[in-house]
Amino acid sequence: MGDKYDWKKIIQMVAIIGVLCIFVGIATRIMQKSQTSLSDYAKKNPETALAVTDKESDKKSNEESDDKDQVNGKKDPAEGSDNNSGDESGEADAEQQFIYENFYYTEESEGYKFRIAYYDSKHRVSTVELSANVEDPDETLSFFYDMYKAEHEFADIKDVQKMMDRFAVPESEDNG
């Protein structure tokens, strides 16, 4: 029975696989330490990112600024929809309110300021405010809303900014 298998080769193969697993584990650990978390990025770049993960704190801050936002030209993808149907369930109303509070843009002197909700790497809903000069802010907002509905996860807030930069007006068009 011992002649059927070459135990020396099997032991060598298992040892090589074990060493490779240890190497991959160490490499993964090193790579994870160099990543920037959303909160670290927000602390270093407060003008670029305002990450909020607590839905209740969003609600409180939005309730205080509802009147001011509407005066400043707040845009909403659900604007113009029929909200007087009366047949909507409480869940649909809550979703509509969430969309209204977390997907909009305001016009700034040098472009637009967007507020979007997204899923972070732990599949939690977070929000971010980004400034960008884009050609079509409605299309940009619609894109991020579609990403949210598809439950696309962004590993880092930098990824959200990179995605926003894809919609930015090139420098040559921006100047004239």
N, C-alpha and C. Protein backbone atom coordinates (compact mmCIF):
# COMPACT_ATOMS: atom_id res chain seq x y z
N MET A 1 0.82 -1.19 0.00
CA MET A 1 0.00 0.00 0.00
C MET A 1 0.86 1.26 0.00
N GLY A 2 1.99 1.25 0.67
CA GLY A 2 2.89 2.38 0.70
C GLY A 2 3.57 2.61 -0.63
N ASP A 3 3.59 1.59 -1.49
CA ASP A 3 4.23 1.73 -2.79
C ASP A 3 3.38 2.50 -3.78
N LYS A 4 2.09 2.55 -3.56
CA LYS A 4 1.18 3.22 -4.48
C LYS A 4 1.42 4.72 -4.59
N TYR A 5 1.76 5.36 -3.49
CA TYR A 5 1.92 6.82 -3.44
C TYR A 5 3.36 7.17 -3.13
N ASP A 6 3.82 8.25 -3.73
CA ASP A 6 5.15 8.76 -3.42
C ASP A 6 4.98 9.84 -2.35
N TRP A 7 5.06 9.41 -1.09
CA TRP A 7 4.76 10.29 0.03
C TRP A 7 5.71 11.47 0.12
N LYS A 8 6.93 11.28 -0.34
CA LYS A 8 7.90 12.37 -0.29
C LYS A 8 7.43 13.54 -1.18
N LYS A 9 6.95 13.24 -2.38
CA LYS A 9 6.46 14.28 -3.29
C LYS A 9 5.19 14.93 -2.76
N ILE A 10 4.31 14.16 -2.15
CA ILE A 10 3.07 14.70 -1.58
C ILE A 10 3.40 15.68 -0.45
N ILE A 11 4.33 15.30 0.41
CA ILE A 11 4.72 16.17 1.53
C ILE A 11 5.36 17.45 1.00
N GLN A 12 6.20 17.34 -0.04
CA GLN A 12 6.81 18.52 -0.63
C GLN A 12 5.75 19.45 -1.22
N MET A 13 4.79 18.87 -1.91
CA MET A 13 3.72 19.67 -2.52
C MET A 13 2.90 20.39 -1.45
N VAL A 14 2.56 19.71 -0.38
CA VAL A 14 1.80 20.33 0.71
C VAL A 14 2.62 21.44 1.35
N ALA A 15 3.92 21.22 1.52
CA ALA A 15 4.79 22.24 2.12
C ALA A 15 4.86 23.47 1.21
N ILE A 16 4.98 23.28 -0.09
CA ILE A 16 5.04 24.40 -1.03
C ILE A 16 3.74 25.19 -1.01
N ILE A 17 2.61 24.50 -1.00
CA ILE A 17 1.31 25.17 -0.95
C ILE A 17 1.17 25.95 0.36
N GLY A 18 1.63 25.38 1.46
CA GLY A 18 1.58 26.07 2.75
C GLY A 18 2.42 27.33 2.75
N VAL A 19 3.63 27.26 2.18
CA VAL A 19 4.50 28.44 2.11
C VAL A 19 3.86 29.51 1.23
N LEU A 20 3.26 29.11 0.11
CA LEU A 20 2.58 30.07 -0.76
C LEU A 20 1.42 30.75 -0.04
N CYS A 21 0.65 29.99 0.72
CA CYS A 21 -0.47 30.56 1.49
C CYS A 21 0.04 31.59 2.51
N ILE A 22 1.13 31.27 3.18
CA ILE A 22 1.70 32.21 4.15
C ILE A 22 2.17 33.47 3.44
N PHE A 23 2.82 33.32 2.29
CA PHE A 23 3.30 34.47 1.52
C PHE A 23 2.14 35.35 1.08
N VAL A 24 1.07 34.77 0.57
CA VAL A 24 -0.10 35.53 0.14
C VAL A 24 -0.74 36.25 1.33
N GLY A 25 -0.81 35.57 2.47
CA GLY A 25 -1.37 36.19 3.67
C GLY A 25 -0.58 37.39 4.13
N ILE A 26 0.73 37.29 4.11
CA ILE A 26 1.58 38.41 4.52
C ILE A 26 1.45 39.56 3.53
N ALA A 27 1.45 39.24 2.23
CA ALA A 27 1.31 40.29 1.21
C ALA A 27 -0.03 41.00 1.35
N THR A 28 -1.08 40.27 1.61
CA THR A 28 -2.41 40.87 1.78
C THR A 28 -2.43 41.79 2.99
N ARG A 29 -1.83 41.37 4.08
CA ARG A 29 -1.78 42.18 5.31
C ARG A 29 -1.04 43.49 5.06
N ILE A 30 0.07 43.41 4.33
CA ILE A 30 0.84 44.61 4.03
C ILE A 30 0.04 45.56 3.16
N MET A 31 -0.66 45.03 2.16
CA MET A 31 -1.44 45.87 1.26
C MET A 31 -2.60 46.54 2.00
N GLN A 32 -3.22 45.85 2.95
CA GLN A 32 -4.34 46.42 3.68
C GLN A 32 -3.90 47.58 4.57
N LYS A 33 -2.69 47.53 5.09
CA LYS A 33 -2.22 48.60 5.95
C LYS A 33 -2.00 49.90 5.19
N SER A 34 -1.76 49.81 3.89
CA SER A 34 -1.52 51.02 3.11
C SER A 34 -2.80 51.67 2.60
N GLN A 35 -3.95 51.06 2.85
CA GLN A 35 -5.21 51.62 2.37
C GLN A 35 -5.68 52.74 3.30
N THR A 36 -6.40 53.68 2.72
CA THR A 36 -6.95 54.80 3.48
C THR A 36 -8.43 54.55 3.72
N SER A 37 -8.85 54.65 4.96
CA SER A 37 -10.27 54.47 5.24
C SER A 37 -11.02 55.74 4.88
N LEU A 38 -12.33 55.64 4.80
CA LEU A 38 -13.16 56.80 4.47
C LEU A 38 -13.03 57.89 5.52
N SER A 39 -12.98 57.51 6.78
CA SER A 39 -12.88 58.52 7.84
C SER A 39 -11.51 59.21 7.82
N ASP A 40 -10.43 58.46 7.53
CA ASP A 40 -9.11 59.09 7.43
C ASP A 40 -9.08 60.09 6.28
N TYR A 41 -9.64 59.70 5.14
CA TYR A 41 -9.65 60.59 3.98
C TYR A 41 -10.47 61.85 4.27
N ALA A 42 -11.61 61.67 4.93
CA ALA A 42 -12.47 62.81 5.23
C ALA A 42 -11.78 63.77 6.21
N LYS A 43 -11.01 63.24 7.16
CA LYS A 43 -10.28 64.09 8.10
C LYS A 43 -9.19 64.89 7.40
N LYS A 44 -8.51 64.25 6.45
CA LYS A 44 -7.43 64.93 5.73
C LYS A 44 -7.94 65.90 4.67
N ASN A 45 -9.13 65.64 4.13
CA ASN A 45 -9.68 66.44 3.04
C ASN A 45 -11.12 66.85 3.34
N PRO A 46 -11.35 67.68 4.34
CA PRO A 46 -12.74 68.01 4.69
C PRO A 46 -13.46 68.81 3.61
N GLU A 47 -12.71 69.56 2.79
CA GLU A 47 -13.37 70.33 1.74
C GLU A 47 -13.85 69.45 0.60
N THR A 48 -13.25 68.28 0.43
CA THR A 48 -13.62 67.37 -0.65
C THR A 48 -14.70 66.40 -0.23
N ALA A 49 -14.64 65.93 0.99
CA ALA A 49 -15.53 64.84 1.39
C ALA A 49 -16.14 65.10 2.75
N LEU A 50 -17.43 64.84 2.82
CA LEU A 50 -18.14 64.87 4.09
C LEU A 50 -18.88 63.55 4.16
N ALA A 51 -18.28 62.56 4.79
CA ALA A 51 -18.88 61.23 4.86
C ALA A 51 -19.76 61.15 6.09
N VAL A 52 -20.99 60.71 5.90
CA VAL A 52 -21.93 60.55 6.99
C VAL A 52 -22.53 59.17 6.88
N THR A 53 -22.40 58.37 7.94
CA THR A 53 -22.96 57.03 7.89
C THR A 53 -24.21 56.90 8.76
N ASP A 54 -24.48 57.88 9.60
CA ASP A 54 -25.64 57.81 10.47
C ASP A 54 -26.82 58.49 9.80
N LYS A 55 -27.82 57.73 9.43
CA LYS A 55 -28.97 58.26 8.68
C LYS A 55 -29.74 59.30 9.49
N GLU A 56 -29.80 59.11 10.82
CA GLU A 56 -30.55 60.05 11.65
C GLU A 56 -29.87 61.42 11.68
N SER A 57 -28.53 61.45 11.72
CA SER A 57 -27.86 62.75 11.73
C SER A 57 -28.06 63.46 10.39
N ASP A 58 -28.15 62.69 9.30
CA ASP A 58 -28.47 63.28 7.99
C ASP A 58 -29.84 63.91 8.03
N LYS A 59 -30.80 63.20 8.60
CA LYS A 59 -32.18 63.68 8.63
C LYS A 59 -32.28 64.99 9.40
N LYS A 60 -31.60 65.05 10.57
CA LYS A 60 -31.64 66.26 11.38
C LYS A 60 -31.03 67.45 10.64
N SER A 61 -29.87 67.23 10.02
CA SER A 61 -29.22 68.35 9.33
C SER A 61 -30.03 68.78 8.11
N ASN A 62 -30.68 67.84 7.44
CA ASN A 62 -31.49 68.18 6.28
C ASN A 62 -32.78 68.88 6.65
N GLU A 63 -33.36 68.52 7.78
CA GLU A 63 -34.58 69.19 8.23
C GLU A 63 -34.31 70.65 8.52
N GLU A 64 -33.11 70.93 9.07
CA GLU A 64 -32.77 72.31 9.40
C GLU A 64 -32.52 73.15 8.15
N SER A 65 -32.07 72.50 7.08
CA SER A 65 -31.68 73.27 5.89
C SER A 65 -32.63 73.09 4.71
N ASP A 66 -33.80 72.49 4.91
CA ASP A 66 -34.73 72.26 3.80
C ASP A 66 -35.13 73.56 3.11
N ASP A 67 -35.50 74.57 3.90
CA ASP A 67 -35.93 75.83 3.30
C ASP A 67 -34.79 76.50 2.55
N LYS A 68 -33.61 76.49 3.14
CA LYS A 68 -32.45 77.12 2.53
C LYS A 68 -32.07 76.42 1.22
N ASP A 69 -32.12 75.08 1.17
CA ASP A 69 -31.77 74.32 -0.03
C ASP A 69 -32.72 74.62 -1.18
N GLN A 70 -33.99 74.78 -0.89
CA GLN A 70 -34.94 75.04 -1.96
C GLN A 70 -34.74 76.44 -2.53
N VAL A 71 -34.34 77.39 -1.71
CA VAL A 71 -34.08 78.73 -2.18
C VAL A 71 -32.82 78.74 -3.06
N ASN A 72 -31.82 77.89 -2.73
CA ASN A 72 -30.55 77.85 -3.45
C ASN A 72 -30.61 77.04 -4.74
N GLY A 73 -31.76 76.61 -5.17
CA GLY A 73 -31.87 75.91 -6.44
C GLY A 73 -31.58 74.43 -6.33
N LYS A 74 -31.95 73.81 -5.25
CA LYS A 74 -31.72 72.38 -5.06
C LYS A 74 -32.46 71.59 -6.13
N LYS A 75 -31.76 70.66 -6.76
CA LYS A 75 -32.36 69.84 -7.81
C LYS A 75 -32.52 68.42 -7.30
N ASP A 76 -33.54 67.74 -7.74
CA ASP A 76 -33.84 66.39 -7.29
C ASP A 76 -34.29 65.56 -8.47
N PRO A 77 -33.75 64.32 -8.65
CA PRO A 77 -34.17 63.51 -9.79
C PRO A 77 -35.64 63.13 -9.74
N ALA A 78 -36.24 63.17 -8.56
CA ALA A 78 -37.66 62.80 -8.44
C ALA A 78 -38.57 64.00 -8.59
N GLU A 79 -37.98 65.18 -8.84
CA GLU A 79 -38.76 66.40 -8.95
C GLU A 79 -39.75 66.28 -10.10
N GLY A 80 -40.96 66.71 -9.87
CA GLY A 80 -41.96 66.67 -10.92
C GLY A 80 -42.75 65.37 -10.93
N SER A 81 -42.42 64.42 -10.07
CA SER A 81 -43.19 63.18 -10.04
C SER A 81 -44.46 63.40 -9.25
N ASP A 82 -45.44 62.56 -9.45
CA ASP A 82 -46.74 62.71 -8.80
C ASP A 82 -46.66 62.19 -7.38
N ASN A 83 -46.56 63.09 -6.41
CA ASN A 83 -46.48 62.71 -5.01
C ASN A 83 -47.83 62.76 -4.32
N ASN A 84 -48.91 63.08 -5.03
CA ASN A 84 -50.22 63.22 -4.42
C ASN A 84 -51.10 62.01 -4.64
N SER A 85 -50.53 60.87 -5.00
CA SER A 85 -51.36 59.71 -5.32
C SER A 85 -52.06 59.14 -4.10
N GLY A 86 -51.46 59.24 -2.92
CA GLY A 86 -52.11 58.77 -1.71
C GLY A 86 -52.09 57.25 -1.57
N ASP A 87 -51.77 56.51 -2.62
CA ASP A 87 -51.73 55.06 -2.55
C ASP A 87 -50.36 54.52 -2.20
N GLU A 88 -49.36 55.38 -2.06
CA GLU A 88 -48.01 54.94 -1.76
C GLU A 88 -47.95 54.44 -0.32
N SER A 89 -47.18 53.38 -0.13
CA SER A 89 -47.02 52.86 1.22
C SER A 89 -46.01 53.71 1.98
N GLY A 90 -45.92 53.50 3.27
CA GLY A 90 -44.96 54.25 4.10
C GLY A 90 -43.54 53.95 3.68
N GLU A 91 -43.28 52.74 3.23
CA GLU A 91 -41.93 52.37 2.78
C GLU A 91 -41.55 53.14 1.52
N ALA A 92 -42.47 53.29 0.60
CA ALA A 92 -42.20 54.04 -0.62
C ALA A 92 -41.95 55.51 -0.29
N ASP A 93 -42.73 56.05 0.66
CA ASP A 93 -42.52 57.44 1.08
C ASP A 93 -41.15 57.62 1.72
N ALA A 94 -40.75 56.64 2.55
CA ALA A 94 -39.44 56.72 3.19
C ALA A 94 -38.33 56.66 2.14
N GLU A 95 -38.48 55.80 1.13
CA GLU A 95 -37.49 55.71 0.06
C GLU A 95 -37.43 57.02 -0.73
N GLN A 96 -38.58 57.60 -1.01
CA GLN A 96 -38.63 58.87 -1.74
C GLN A 96 -37.96 59.97 -0.94
N GLN A 97 -38.19 59.99 0.36
CA GLN A 97 -37.56 60.97 1.23
C GLN A 97 -36.05 60.77 1.26
N PHE A 98 -35.62 59.51 1.32
CA PHE A 98 -34.18 59.20 1.30
C PHE A 98 -33.54 59.71 0.01
N ILE A 99 -34.20 59.49 -1.11
CA ILE A 99 -33.68 59.95 -2.41
C ILE A 99 -33.60 61.47 -2.42
N TYR A 100 -34.65 62.12 -1.94
CA TYR A 100 -34.69 63.59 -1.93
C TYR A 100 -33.56 64.16 -1.08
N GLU A 101 -33.26 63.52 0.05
CA GLU A 101 -32.25 64.03 0.96
C GLU A 101 -30.83 63.70 0.53
N ASN A 102 -30.64 62.65 -0.28
CA ASN A 102 -29.30 62.16 -0.54
C ASN A 102 -28.86 62.17 -1.99
N PHE A 103 -29.68 62.62 -2.90
CA PHE A 103 -29.29 62.71 -4.29
C PHE A 103 -29.73 64.06 -4.84
N TYR A 104 -28.84 65.05 -4.76
CA TYR A 104 -29.14 66.35 -5.31
C TYR A 104 -27.84 67.09 -5.61
N TYR A 105 -27.96 68.19 -6.29
CA TYR A 105 -26.82 69.05 -6.53
C TYR A 105 -27.25 70.49 -6.41
N THR A 106 -26.30 71.33 -6.10
CA THR A 106 -26.53 72.77 -6.08
C THR A 106 -25.49 73.41 -6.98
N GLU A 107 -25.87 74.51 -7.59
CA GLU A 107 -24.95 75.21 -8.49
C GLU A 107 -24.05 76.10 -7.67
N GLU A 108 -22.77 75.97 -7.90
CA GLU A 108 -21.76 76.77 -7.21
C GLU A 108 -21.14 77.73 -8.22
N SER A 109 -20.28 78.62 -7.76
CA SER A 109 -19.65 79.56 -8.67
C SER A 109 -18.71 78.87 -9.66
N GLU A 110 -18.10 77.77 -9.28
CA GLU A 110 -17.18 77.05 -10.17
C GLU A 110 -17.65 75.62 -10.38
N GLY A 111 -18.86 75.42 -10.79
CA GLY A 111 -19.35 74.07 -11.06
C GLY A 111 -20.57 73.74 -10.22
N TYR A 112 -20.61 72.48 -9.77
CA TYR A 112 -21.74 72.00 -8.99
C TYR A 112 -21.24 71.27 -7.76
N LYS A 113 -22.05 71.30 -6.72
CA LYS A 113 -21.77 70.54 -5.51
C LYS A 113 -22.81 69.44 -5.44
N PHE A 114 -22.36 68.18 -5.47
CA PHE A 114 -23.25 67.04 -5.46
C PHE A 114 -23.29 66.40 -4.09
N ARG A 115 -24.45 65.91 -3.73
CA ARG A 115 -24.59 65.06 -2.54
C ARG A 115 -25.14 63.75 -3.06
N ILE A 116 -24.41 62.68 -2.78
CA ILE A 116 -24.83 61.37 -3.25
C ILE A 116 -24.69 60.33 -2.14
N ALA A 117 -25.54 59.33 -2.20
CA ALA A 117 -25.44 58.19 -1.29
C ALA A 117 -24.79 57.05 -2.06
N TYR A 118 -24.05 56.24 -1.33
CA TYR A 118 -23.38 55.10 -1.95
C TYR A 118 -23.18 54.02 -0.89
N TYR A 119 -22.82 52.84 -1.33
CA TYR A 119 -22.51 51.74 -0.41
C TYR A 119 -21.01 51.68 -0.22
N ASP A 120 -20.55 51.66 1.05
CA ASP A 120 -19.12 51.55 1.29
C ASP A 120 -18.70 50.08 1.24
N SER A 121 -17.45 49.80 1.55
CA SER A 121 -16.92 48.44 1.41
C SER A 121 -17.56 47.45 2.38
N LYS A 122 -18.21 47.95 3.42
CA LYS A 122 -18.90 47.07 4.37
C LYS A 122 -20.40 47.01 4.08
N HIS A 123 -20.78 47.48 2.90
CA HIS A 123 -22.16 47.51 2.41
C HIS A 123 -23.09 48.32 3.32
N ARG A 124 -22.53 49.40 3.87
CA ARG A 124 -23.32 50.35 4.64
C ARG A 124 -23.60 51.55 3.74
N VAL A 125 -24.75 52.16 3.93
CA VAL A 125 -25.09 53.35 3.15
C VAL A 125 -24.38 54.55 3.76
N SER A 126 -23.61 55.25 2.93
CA SER A 126 -22.91 56.45 3.34
C SER A 126 -23.26 57.56 2.36
N THR A 127 -22.99 58.78 2.76
CA THR A 127 -23.21 59.90 1.85
C THR A 127 -21.92 60.70 1.74
N VAL A 128 -21.79 61.41 0.64
CA VAL A 128 -20.60 62.22 0.40
C VAL A 128 -21.02 63.46 -0.37
N GLU A 129 -20.32 64.55 -0.14
CA GLU A 129 -20.53 65.77 -0.90
C GLU A 129 -19.27 66.03 -1.70
N LEU A 130 -19.42 66.16 -3.01
CA LEU A 130 -18.30 66.37 -3.92
C LEU A 130 -18.56 67.57 -4.81
N SER A 131 -17.52 68.29 -5.12
CA SER A 131 -17.63 69.40 -6.06
C SER A 131 -17.03 68.99 -7.38
N ALA A 132 -17.71 69.33 -8.48
CA ALA A 132 -17.21 69.01 -9.81
C ALA A 132 -17.83 69.95 -10.82
N ASN A 133 -17.09 70.21 -11.88
CA ASN A 133 -17.60 71.00 -12.98
C ASN A 133 -17.93 70.02 -14.10
N VAL A 134 -19.21 69.72 -14.27
CA VAL A 134 -19.64 68.72 -15.25
C VAL A 134 -20.53 69.38 -16.31
N GLU A 135 -20.61 68.72 -17.47
CA GLU A 135 -21.45 69.24 -18.54
C GLU A 135 -22.92 69.09 -18.23
N ASP A 136 -23.32 67.90 -17.77
CA ASP A 136 -24.73 67.61 -17.51
C ASP A 136 -24.90 67.09 -16.09
N PRO A 137 -25.21 67.97 -15.13
CA PRO A 137 -25.32 67.52 -13.74
C PRO A 137 -26.47 66.53 -13.53
N ASP A 138 -27.55 66.65 -14.31
CA ASP A 138 -28.66 65.70 -14.17
C ASP A 138 -28.22 64.29 -14.55
N GLU A 139 -27.45 64.17 -15.63
CA GLU A 139 -26.95 62.87 -16.06
C GLU A 139 -26.00 62.28 -15.02
N THR A 140 -25.14 63.12 -14.47
CA THR A 140 -24.19 62.69 -13.45
C THR A 140 -24.93 62.18 -12.22
N LEU A 141 -25.92 62.93 -11.78
CA LEU A 141 -26.70 62.53 -10.62
C LEU A 141 -27.46 61.24 -10.89
N SER A 142 -28.02 61.12 -12.06
CA SER A 142 -28.74 59.91 -12.44
C SER A 142 -27.81 58.70 -12.44
N PHE A 143 -26.58 58.87 -12.91
CA PHE A 143 -25.61 57.79 -12.93
C PHE A 143 -25.33 57.28 -11.52
N PHE A 144 -25.08 58.21 -10.59
CA PHE A 144 -24.78 57.81 -9.22
C PHE A 144 -26.00 57.18 -8.54
N TYR A 145 -27.19 57.65 -8.89
CA TYR A 145 -28.39 57.02 -8.35
C TYR A 145 -28.53 55.59 -8.86
N ASP A 146 -28.24 55.38 -10.15
CA ASP A 146 -28.28 54.03 -10.71
C ASP A 146 -27.24 53.12 -10.03
N MET A 147 -26.06 53.67 -9.74
CA MET A 147 -25.03 52.89 -9.04
C MET A 147 -25.52 52.52 -7.64
N TYR A 148 -26.23 53.44 -6.99
CA TYR A 148 -26.76 53.16 -5.66
C TYR A 148 -27.83 52.06 -5.74
N LYS A 149 -28.75 52.17 -6.72
CA LYS A 149 -29.80 51.16 -6.87
C LYS A 149 -29.20 49.79 -7.16
N ALA A 150 -28.10 49.75 -7.89
CA ALA A 150 -27.43 48.48 -8.22
C ALA A 150 -26.59 47.98 -7.04
N GLU A 151 -26.56 48.74 -5.95
CA GLU A 151 -25.81 48.40 -4.74
C GLU A 151 -24.33 48.22 -5.03
N HIS A 152 -23.79 49.07 -5.91
CA HIS A 152 -22.36 49.05 -6.20
C HIS A 152 -21.60 49.56 -4.99
N GLU A 153 -20.57 48.84 -4.57
CA GLU A 153 -19.78 49.23 -3.41
C GLU A 153 -18.53 49.97 -3.85
N PHE A 154 -18.24 51.06 -3.16
CA PHE A 154 -17.00 51.79 -3.37
C PHE A 154 -16.10 51.49 -2.19
N ALA A 155 -14.93 50.95 -2.45
CA ALA A 155 -14.01 50.55 -1.38
C ALA A 155 -13.47 51.76 -0.62
N ASP A 156 -13.34 52.88 -1.30
CA ASP A 156 -12.73 54.05 -0.70
C ASP A 156 -13.40 55.30 -1.27
N ILE A 157 -13.41 56.35 -0.52
CA ILE A 157 -14.05 57.59 -0.98
C ILE A 157 -13.32 58.15 -2.20
N LYS A 158 -12.04 57.80 -2.34
CA LYS A 158 -11.28 58.23 -3.53
C LYS A 158 -11.89 57.63 -4.79
N ASP A 159 -12.44 56.42 -4.68
CA ASP A 159 -13.07 55.78 -5.84
C ASP A 159 -14.31 56.56 -6.27
N VAL A 160 -15.05 57.09 -5.31
CA VAL A 160 -16.23 57.89 -5.63
C VAL A 160 -15.78 59.16 -6.36
N GLN A 161 -14.71 59.79 -5.86
CA GLN A 161 -14.21 61.01 -6.50
C GLN A 161 -13.69 60.72 -7.91
N LYS A 162 -12.99 59.58 -8.09
CA LYS A 162 -12.50 59.22 -9.43
C LYS A 162 -13.67 59.03 -10.40
N MET A 163 -14.74 58.41 -9.92
CA MET A 163 -15.91 58.20 -10.77
C MET A 163 -16.54 59.56 -11.13
N MET A 164 -16.58 60.47 -10.17
CA MET A 164 -17.13 61.80 -10.43
C MET A 164 -16.24 62.54 -11.44
N ASP A 165 -14.93 62.37 -11.34
CA ASP A 165 -14.01 63.06 -12.24
C ASP A 165 -14.20 62.63 -13.69
N ARG A 166 -14.77 61.45 -13.92
CA ARG A 166 -15.02 61.00 -15.29
C ARG A 166 -16.07 61.87 -15.99
N PHE A 167 -16.90 62.54 -15.22
CA PHE A 167 -17.94 63.40 -15.78
C PHE A 167 -17.47 64.85 -15.92
N ALA A 168 -16.30 65.15 -15.39
CA ALA A 168 -15.82 66.54 -15.36
C ALA A 168 -15.54 67.07 -16.76
N VAL A 169 -15.77 68.35 -16.90
CA VAL A 169 -15.49 69.04 -18.16
C VAL A 169 -13.97 69.13 -18.29
N PRO A 170 -13.41 68.75 -19.43
CA PRO A 170 -11.95 68.86 -19.61
C PRO A 170 -11.51 70.32 -19.46
N GLU A 171 -10.26 70.50 -19.04
CA GLU A 171 -9.74 71.84 -18.77
C GLU A 171 -9.87 72.77 -19.97
N SER A 172 -9.62 72.27 -21.17
CA SER A 172 -9.67 73.14 -22.36
C SER A 172 -11.07 73.68 -22.60
N GLU A 173 -12.11 72.88 -22.37
CA GLU A 173 -13.48 73.32 -22.52
C GLU A 173 -13.91 74.24 -21.40
N ASP A 174 -13.33 74.00 -20.21
CA ASP A 174 -13.71 74.76 -19.02
C ASP A 174 -13.27 76.22 -19.13
N ASN A 175 -12.13 76.47 -19.77
CA ASN A 175 -11.60 77.82 -19.85
C ASN A 175 -12.16 78.63 -21.00
N GLY A 176 -12.82 78.02 -21.93
CA GLY A 176 -13.29 78.88 -22.97
C GLY A 176 -13.86 78.12 -24.08
